Structures are given as structure tokens and as C-alpha cells.
Amino acid sequence: MDERELIARVRKWDVAAERELYEGHVDRVYRLAYRMAGDSVLAQDITQDTFIRAFDRIAEFRGEAAFGTWLHAIGTTVALNTLRKVKRFRAREGDLDEADGMDAVAPGAEPDLKQKLRKAIDELPEKYRTVFIMHDVEGFKHHEIAGCLGMQVGTSKARLSRARARLRESLAGFAQEWVS
């Protein structure tokens, strides 16, 4: 069945059509959420919230962009809002973890590249991290990112360039150690 027909059926409260749209897009929405959150449970919550919000607002979908692009714009917004909330919550609980000594790391321990890369990506400013994940990890084109995030294509390209430069700086020391 054509996606436009599914959307029309969803607008008429057809649960089977909702399920079909969901199944057609859930994997990609989850991957985006996981890449942004770095946590599978949080990514599942973001994915679920994305589809709830999308189906609640399906009447607002005008069809000017692909449904997947519209859905990913919603998913990106949900992920960013969720991550802000989680960051505030974790900042408050961080002091307790330090007091108990639960997160102690052995001195001189060097994490592997995957951990270093994940940390470097997490430390990027949100605006750079979002574009980096959408483009380099999820494979979105700059015009799709610009549409999802409400920016110019040039802004998307500039943010990606800055994200890559910061990652190179963050990982330069590790690369030198690895080569040696």
C-alpha cells in the first residue's frame, strides 16, 4: 500500500495503518534516537514518544517533504528535549554517585577507541552533535537535515565541518598513542 494511502487511513483512526507506518519507520527512528542518546532504554522511550507525537499531529503533515523526513524532525526534537531533561536530572544525581565512590576509574586506565569516540561525540555542543549524527552516522543529506532542524543547508554543512574538526582535536592524542 502507498504511504499516502496509509497516512490518509491513519487520519481516519485506522489502527492497522498506524501499525504499518510504525513498522515501516521504527528501525530508522530508533537508530537515530540511539545514536543521539547512547542508551538503548532511553532510545526506546524517545522512539515511542516520537510515534505518539507524530500520530497525534498527523493532520499537520502536509506532504511537502517525505513522511520519513517529517517523522525524523519530530524524533530529533523529542530526542533533544529528552536529553536536556536527562542531563538536568543526571547533574542533580551526580553528586551522590561521587560521594559513594561508585564511578571510580582506575588511574592511568586508557579506554579504547570506541569509548573515546563516544565520549568525544557526547562532548560536542548539541548543535554540532545533532548534525554529525544525522549526517555521518545516519546518512541524512544536508537538505534533509536542514529541513528537519529548520536551518539553511549551508548551516548544516558548517556545523558538520566544525563537529569533525572538534572530533579530530579530541581524538588527536589517542591517535598518536595508537600509532606509537
C-alpha atoms as a PDB file:
ATOM      1  CA  MET A   1       0.000   0.000   0.000  1.00  0.00           C
ATOM      2  CA  ASP A   2       1.178   3.502  -0.855  1.00  0.00           C
ATOM      3  CA  GLU A   3       2.411   5.627   2.074  1.00  0.00           C
ATOM      4  CA  ARG A   4      -0.016   8.439   1.186  1.00  0.00           C
ATOM      5  CA  GLU A   5      -2.908   5.987   1.482  1.00  0.00           C
ATOM      6  CA  LEU A   6      -1.608   4.822   4.851  1.00  0.00           C
ATOM      7  CA  ILE A   7      -1.409   8.402   6.092  1.00  0.00           C
ATOM      8  CA  ALA A   8      -4.977   9.061   4.927  1.00  0.00           C
ATOM      9  CA  ARG A   9      -6.121   5.940   6.784  1.00  0.00           C
ATOM     10  CA  VAL A  10      -4.215   6.976   9.932  1.00  0.00           C
ATOM     11  CA  ARG A  11      -6.021  10.314   9.825  1.00  0.00           C
ATOM     12  CA  LYS A  12      -9.253   8.300   9.997  1.00  0.00           C
ATOM     13  CA  TRP A  13      -8.016   6.473  13.132  1.00  0.00           C
ATOM     14  CA  ASP A  14      -7.164   3.207  11.334  1.00  0.00           C
ATOM     15  CA  VAL A  15      -5.038   1.271  13.846  1.00  0.00           C
ATOM     16  CA  ALA A  16      -3.784  -1.202  11.226  1.00  0.00           C
ATOM     17  CA  ALA A  17      -2.481   1.684   9.105  1.00  0.00           C
ATOM     18  CA  GLU A  18      -0.751   3.162  12.170  1.00  0.00           C
ATOM     19  CA  ARG A  19       0.943  -0.175  12.783  1.00  0.00           C
ATOM     20  CA  GLU A  20       2.085  -0.390   9.166  1.00  0.00           C
ATOM     21  CA  LEU A  21       3.528   3.127   9.191  1.00  0.00           C
ATOM     22  CA  TYR A  22       5.165   2.411  12.536  1.00  0.00           C
ATOM     23  CA  GLU A  23       6.764  -0.811  11.312  1.00  0.00           C
ATOM     24  CA  GLY A  24       7.998   0.906   8.167  1.00  0.00           C
ATOM     25  CA  HIS A  25       9.866   3.600  10.099  1.00  0.00           C
ATOM     26  CA  VAL A  26      10.582   2.350  13.620  1.00  0.00           C
ATOM     27  CA  ASP A  27      14.048   0.956  12.926  1.00  0.00           C
ATOM     28  CA  ARG A  28      15.387   4.192  11.471  1.00  0.00           C
ATOM     29  CA  VAL A  29      13.788   6.333  14.204  1.00  0.00           C
ATOM     30  CA  TYR A  30      15.269   4.034  16.860  1.00  0.00           C
ATOM     31  CA  ARG A  31      18.758   4.196  15.283  1.00  0.00           C
ATOM     32  CA  LEU A  32      18.621   7.981  15.276  1.00  0.00           C
ATOM     33  CA  ALA A  33      17.416   8.048  18.895  1.00  0.00           C
ATOM     34  CA  TYR A  34      20.079   5.558  19.961  1.00  0.00           C
ATOM     35  CA  ARG A  35      22.853   7.499  18.252  1.00  0.00           C
ATOM     36  CA  MET A  36      21.728  10.687  19.937  1.00  0.00           C
ATOM     37  CA  ALA A  37      21.081   9.201  23.388  1.00  0.00           C
ATOM     38  CA  GLY A  38      23.721   6.462  23.509  1.00  0.00           C
ATOM     39  CA  ASP A  39      21.399   4.361  25.664  1.00  0.00           C
ATOM     40  CA  SER A  40      19.001   1.687  24.411  1.00  0.00           C
ATOM     41  CA  VAL A  41      16.317   2.216  27.079  1.00  0.00           C
ATOM     42  CA  LEU A  42      16.321   5.961  26.527  1.00  0.00           C
ATOM     43  CA  ALA A  43      16.267   5.407  22.751  1.00  0.00           C
ATOM     44  CA  GLN A  44      13.200   3.182  23.109  1.00  0.00           C
ATOM     45  CA  ASP A  45      11.438   5.896  25.110  1.00  0.00           C
ATOM     46  CA  ILE A  46      12.371   8.529  22.520  1.00  0.00           C
ATOM     47  CA  THR A  47      11.159   6.276  19.701  1.00  0.00           C
ATOM     48  CA  GLN A  48       7.841   5.662  21.424  1.00  0.00           C
ATOM     49  CA  ASP A  49       7.354   9.362  22.187  1.00  0.00           C
ATOM     50  CA  THR A  50       8.201  10.231  18.579  1.00  0.00           C
ATOM     51  CA  PHE A  51       5.474   7.999  17.191  1.00  0.00           C
ATOM     52  CA  ILE A  52       2.927   9.144  19.780  1.00  0.00           C
ATOM     53  CA  ARG A  53       3.613  12.756  18.868  1.00  0.00           C
ATOM     54  CA  ALA A  54       3.599  12.002  15.127  1.00  0.00           C
ATOM     55  CA  PHE A  55       0.264  10.186  15.222  1.00  0.00           C
ATOM     56  CA  ASP A  56      -1.226  12.935  17.403  1.00  0.00           C
ATOM     57  CA  ARG A  57      -0.103  15.504  14.829  1.00  0.00           C
ATOM     58  CA  ILE A  58      -0.652  13.526  11.639  1.00  0.00           C
ATOM     59  CA  ALA A  59      -3.185  16.125  10.486  1.00  0.00           C
ATOM     60  CA  GLU A  60      -0.323  18.664  10.371  1.00  0.00           C
ATOM     61  CA  PHE A  61       1.639  16.575   7.861  1.00  0.00           C
ATOM     62  CA  ARG A  62       1.274  18.434   4.557  1.00  0.00           C
ATOM     63  CA  GLY A  63       3.281  16.069   2.371  1.00  0.00           C
ATOM     64  CA  GLU A  64       5.729  18.749   1.229  1.00  0.00           C
ATOM     65  CA  ALA A  65       8.586  16.545   2.438  1.00  0.00           C
ATOM     66  CA  ALA A  66       8.772  12.792   2.727  1.00  0.00           C
ATOM     67  CA  PHE A  67       6.921  11.323   5.698  1.00  0.00           C
ATOM     68  CA  GLY A  68      10.216   9.886   6.976  1.00  0.00           C
ATOM     69  CA  THR A  69      11.822  13.335   6.954  1.00  0.00           C
ATOM     70  CA  TRP A  70       8.871  14.818   8.841  1.00  0.00           C
ATOM     71  CA  LEU A  71       8.979  11.940  11.314  1.00  0.00           C
ATOM     72  CA  HIS A  72      12.721  12.376  11.865  1.00  0.00           C
ATOM     73  CA  ALA A  73      12.249  16.084  12.505  1.00  0.00           C
ATOM     74  CA  ILE A  74       9.832  15.128  15.269  1.00  0.00           C
ATOM     75  CA  GLY A  75      12.234  12.440  16.521  1.00  0.00           C
ATOM     76  CA  THR A  76      15.131  14.881  16.631  1.00  0.00           C
ATOM     77  CA  THR A  77      13.079  17.374  18.626  1.00  0.00           C
ATOM     78  CA  VAL A  78      11.874  14.679  21.032  1.00  0.00           C
ATOM     79  CA  ALA A  79      15.434  13.376  21.456  1.00  0.00           C
ATOM     80  CA  LEU A  80      16.910  16.812  22.124  1.00  0.00           C
ATOM     81  CA  ASN A  81      14.194  17.657  24.652  1.00  0.00           C
ATOM     82  CA  THR A  82      14.577  14.281  26.366  1.00  0.00           C
ATOM     83  CA  LEU A  83      18.347  14.623  26.529  1.00  0.00           C
ATOM     84  CA  ARG A  84      18.022  18.080  28.112  1.00  0.00           C
ATOM     85  CA  LYS A  85      15.744  16.644  30.793  1.00  0.00           C
ATOM     86  CA  VAL A  86      18.038  13.675  31.409  1.00  0.00           C
ATOM     87  CA  LYS A  87      21.078  15.945  31.586  1.00  0.00           C
ATOM     88  CA  ARG A  88      19.413  18.097  34.257  1.00  0.00           C
ATOM     89  CA  PHE A  89      18.369  15.002  36.198  1.00  0.00           C
ATOM     90  CA  ARG A  90      21.795  13.369  35.993  1.00  0.00           C
ATOM     91  CA  ALA A  91      23.510  16.578  37.055  1.00  0.00           C
ATOM     92  CA  ARG A  92      21.495  16.504  40.276  1.00  0.00           C
ATOM     93  CA  GLU A  93      22.225  12.849  40.980  1.00  0.00           C
ATOM     94  CA  GLY A  94      25.925  13.104  40.070  1.00  0.00           C
ATOM     95  CA  ASP A  95      26.989  14.366  43.467  1.00  0.00           C
ATOM     96  CA  LEU A  96      25.510  11.291  45.168  1.00  0.00           C
ATOM     97  CA  ASP A  97      27.375   8.935  42.848  1.00  0.00           C
ATOM     98  CA  GLU A  98      30.665  10.688  43.575  1.00  0.00           C
ATOM     99  CA  ALA A  99      30.038  10.597  47.307  1.00  0.00           C
ATOM    100  CA  ASP A 100      29.536   6.829  47.220  1.00  0.00           C
ATOM    101  CA  GLY A 101      32.609   6.287  45.035  1.00  0.00           C
ATOM    102  CA  MET A 102      30.580   4.196  42.597  1.00  0.00           C
ATOM    103  CA  ASP A 103      32.064   5.612  39.414  1.00  0.00           C
ATOM    104  CA  ALA A 104      35.722   5.401  40.350  1.00  0.00           C
ATOM    105  CA  VAL A 105      38.049   4.769  37.403  1.00  0.00           C
ATOM    106  CA  ALA A 106      41.434   3.171  37.874  1.00  0.00           C
ATOM    107  CA  PRO A 107      44.181   5.779  37.493  1.00  0.00           C
ATOM    108  CA  GLY A 108      46.059   5.512  34.229  1.00  0.00           C
ATOM    109  CA  ALA A 109      43.393   3.364  32.579  1.00  0.00           C
ATOM    110  CA  GLU A 110      43.064   4.194  28.865  1.00  0.00           C
ATOM    111  CA  PRO A 111      39.679   3.483  27.252  1.00  0.00           C
ATOM    112  CA  ASP A 112      39.612   2.036  23.766  1.00  0.00           C
ATOM    113  CA  LEU A 113      38.853   3.998  20.630  1.00  0.00           C
ATOM    114  CA  LYS A 114      35.127   3.255  20.702  1.00  0.00           C
ATOM    115  CA  GLN A 115      34.788   4.707  24.195  1.00  0.00           C
ATOM    116  CA  LYS A 116      36.955   7.701  23.299  1.00  0.00           C
ATOM    117  CA  LEU A 117      34.902   8.351  20.176  1.00  0.00           C
ATOM    118  CA  ARG A 118      31.604   8.064  22.039  1.00  0.00           C
ATOM    119  CA  LYS A 119      32.879  10.453  24.715  1.00  0.00           C
ATOM    120  CA  ALA A 120      34.174  12.904  22.106  1.00  0.00           C
ATOM    121  CA  ILE A 121      30.815  12.856  20.303  1.00  0.00           C
ATOM    122  CA  ASP A 122      28.928  13.300  23.584  1.00  0.00           C
ATOM    123  CA  GLU A 123      31.091  16.319  24.423  1.00  0.00           C
ATOM    124  CA  LEU A 124      30.294  18.097  21.155  1.00  0.00           C
ATOM    125  CA  PRO A 125      27.947  21.051  21.543  1.00  0.00           C
ATOM    126  CA  GLU A 126      24.385  19.886  20.882  1.00  0.00           C
ATOM    127  CA  LYS A 127      24.049  21.747  17.578  1.00  0.00           C
ATOM    128  CA  TYR A 128      27.191  20.096  16.178  1.00  0.00           C
ATOM    129  CA  ARG A 129      26.473  16.651  17.641  1.00  0.00           C
ATOM    130  CA  THR A 130      22.981  16.548  16.139  1.00  0.00           C
ATOM    131  CA  VAL A 131      24.173  17.375  12.609  1.00  0.00           C
ATOM    132  CA  PHE A 132      27.150  14.990  12.915  1.00  0.00           C
ATOM    133  CA  ILE A 133      24.949  12.076  13.982  1.00  0.00           C
ATOM    134  CA  MET A 134      22.294  12.767  11.362  1.00  0.00           C
ATOM    135  CA  HIS A 135      24.823  13.120   8.513  1.00  0.00           C
ATOM    136  CA  ASP A 136      27.808  10.900   9.258  1.00  0.00           C
ATOM    137  CA  VAL A 137      26.098   8.207  11.312  1.00  0.00           C
ATOM    138  CA  GLU A 138      22.548   8.032   9.964  1.00  0.00           C
ATOM    139  CA  GLY A 139      23.281   9.091   6.381  1.00  0.00           C
ATOM    140  CA  PHE A 140      20.923  12.050   6.039  1.00  0.00           C
ATOM    141  CA  LYS A 141      21.677  14.553   3.279  1.00  0.00           C
ATOM    142  CA  HIS A 142      22.269  18.190   4.177  1.00  0.00           C
ATOM    143  CA  HIS A 143      18.956  19.317   2.660  1.00  0.00           C
ATOM    144  CA  GLU A 144      17.127  16.737   4.812  1.00  0.00           C
ATOM    145  CA  ILE A 145      18.954  17.880   7.950  1.00  0.00           C
ATOM    146  CA  ALA A 146      18.199  21.494   7.122  1.00  0.00           C
ATOM    147  CA  GLY A 147      14.509  20.645   6.711  1.00  0.00           C
ATOM    148  CA  CYS A 148      14.374  18.650   9.945  1.00  0.00           C
ATOM    149  CA  LEU A 149      16.155  21.233  12.048  1.00  0.00           C
ATOM    150  CA  GLY A 150      14.824  24.397  10.400  1.00  0.00           C
ATOM    151  CA  MET A 151      18.149  25.770   9.165  1.00  0.00           C
ATOM    152  CA  GLN A 152      19.863  26.580   5.905  1.00  0.00           C
ATOM    153  CA  VAL A 153      21.812  23.874   4.056  1.00  0.00           C
ATOM    154  CA  GLY A 154      24.983  25.941   4.485  1.00  0.00           C
ATOM    155  CA  THR A 155      24.472  25.994   8.247  1.00  0.00           C
ATOM    156  CA  SER A 156      24.208  22.213   8.278  1.00  0.00           C
ATOM    157  CA  LYS A 157      27.434  21.901   6.283  1.00  0.00           C
ATOM    158  CA  ALA A 158      29.261  24.378   8.519  1.00  0.00           C
ATOM    159  CA  ARG A 159      28.161  22.615  11.697  1.00  0.00           C
ATOM    160  CA  LEU A 160      29.255  19.256  10.312  1.00  0.00           C
ATOM    161  CA  SER A 161      32.652  20.691   9.423  1.00  0.00           C
ATOM    162  CA  ARG A 162      33.050  22.155  12.918  1.00  0.00           C
ATOM    163  CA  ALA A 163      31.931  18.888  14.534  1.00  0.00           C
ATOM    164  CA  ARG A 164      34.515  16.925  12.559  1.00  0.00           C
ATOM    165  CA  ALA A 165      37.249  19.438  13.429  1.00  0.00           C
ATOM    166  CA  ARG A 166      36.439  19.177  17.135  1.00  0.00           C
ATOM    167  CA  LEU A 167      36.424  15.389  16.950  1.00  0.00           C
ATOM    168  CA  ARG A 168      39.830  15.427  15.248  1.00  0.00           C
ATOM    169  CA  GLU A 169      41.151  17.647  18.052  1.00  0.00           C
ATOM    170  CA  SER A 170      39.616  15.456  20.760  1.00  0.00           C
ATOM    171  CA  LEU A 171      40.977  12.238  19.286  1.00  0.00           C
ATOM    172  CA  ALA A 172      44.387  13.511  18.139  1.00  0.00           C
ATOM    173  CA  GLY A 173      46.174  12.447  21.329  1.00  0.00           C
ATOM    174  CA  PHE A 174      44.640   8.991  21.215  1.00  0.00           C
ATOM    175  CA  ALA A 175      45.603   8.602  17.563  1.00  0.00           C
ATOM    176  CA  GLN A 176      49.236   9.458  18.396  1.00  0.00           C
ATOM    177  CA  GLU A 177      49.294   6.866  21.190  1.00  0.00           C
ATOM    178  CA  TRP A 178      47.722   4.236  18.947  1.00  0.00           C
ATOM    179  CA  VAL A 179      50.239   4.781  16.125  1.00  0.00           C
ATOM    180  CA  SER A 180      53.228   4.659  18.510  1.00  0.00           C
END
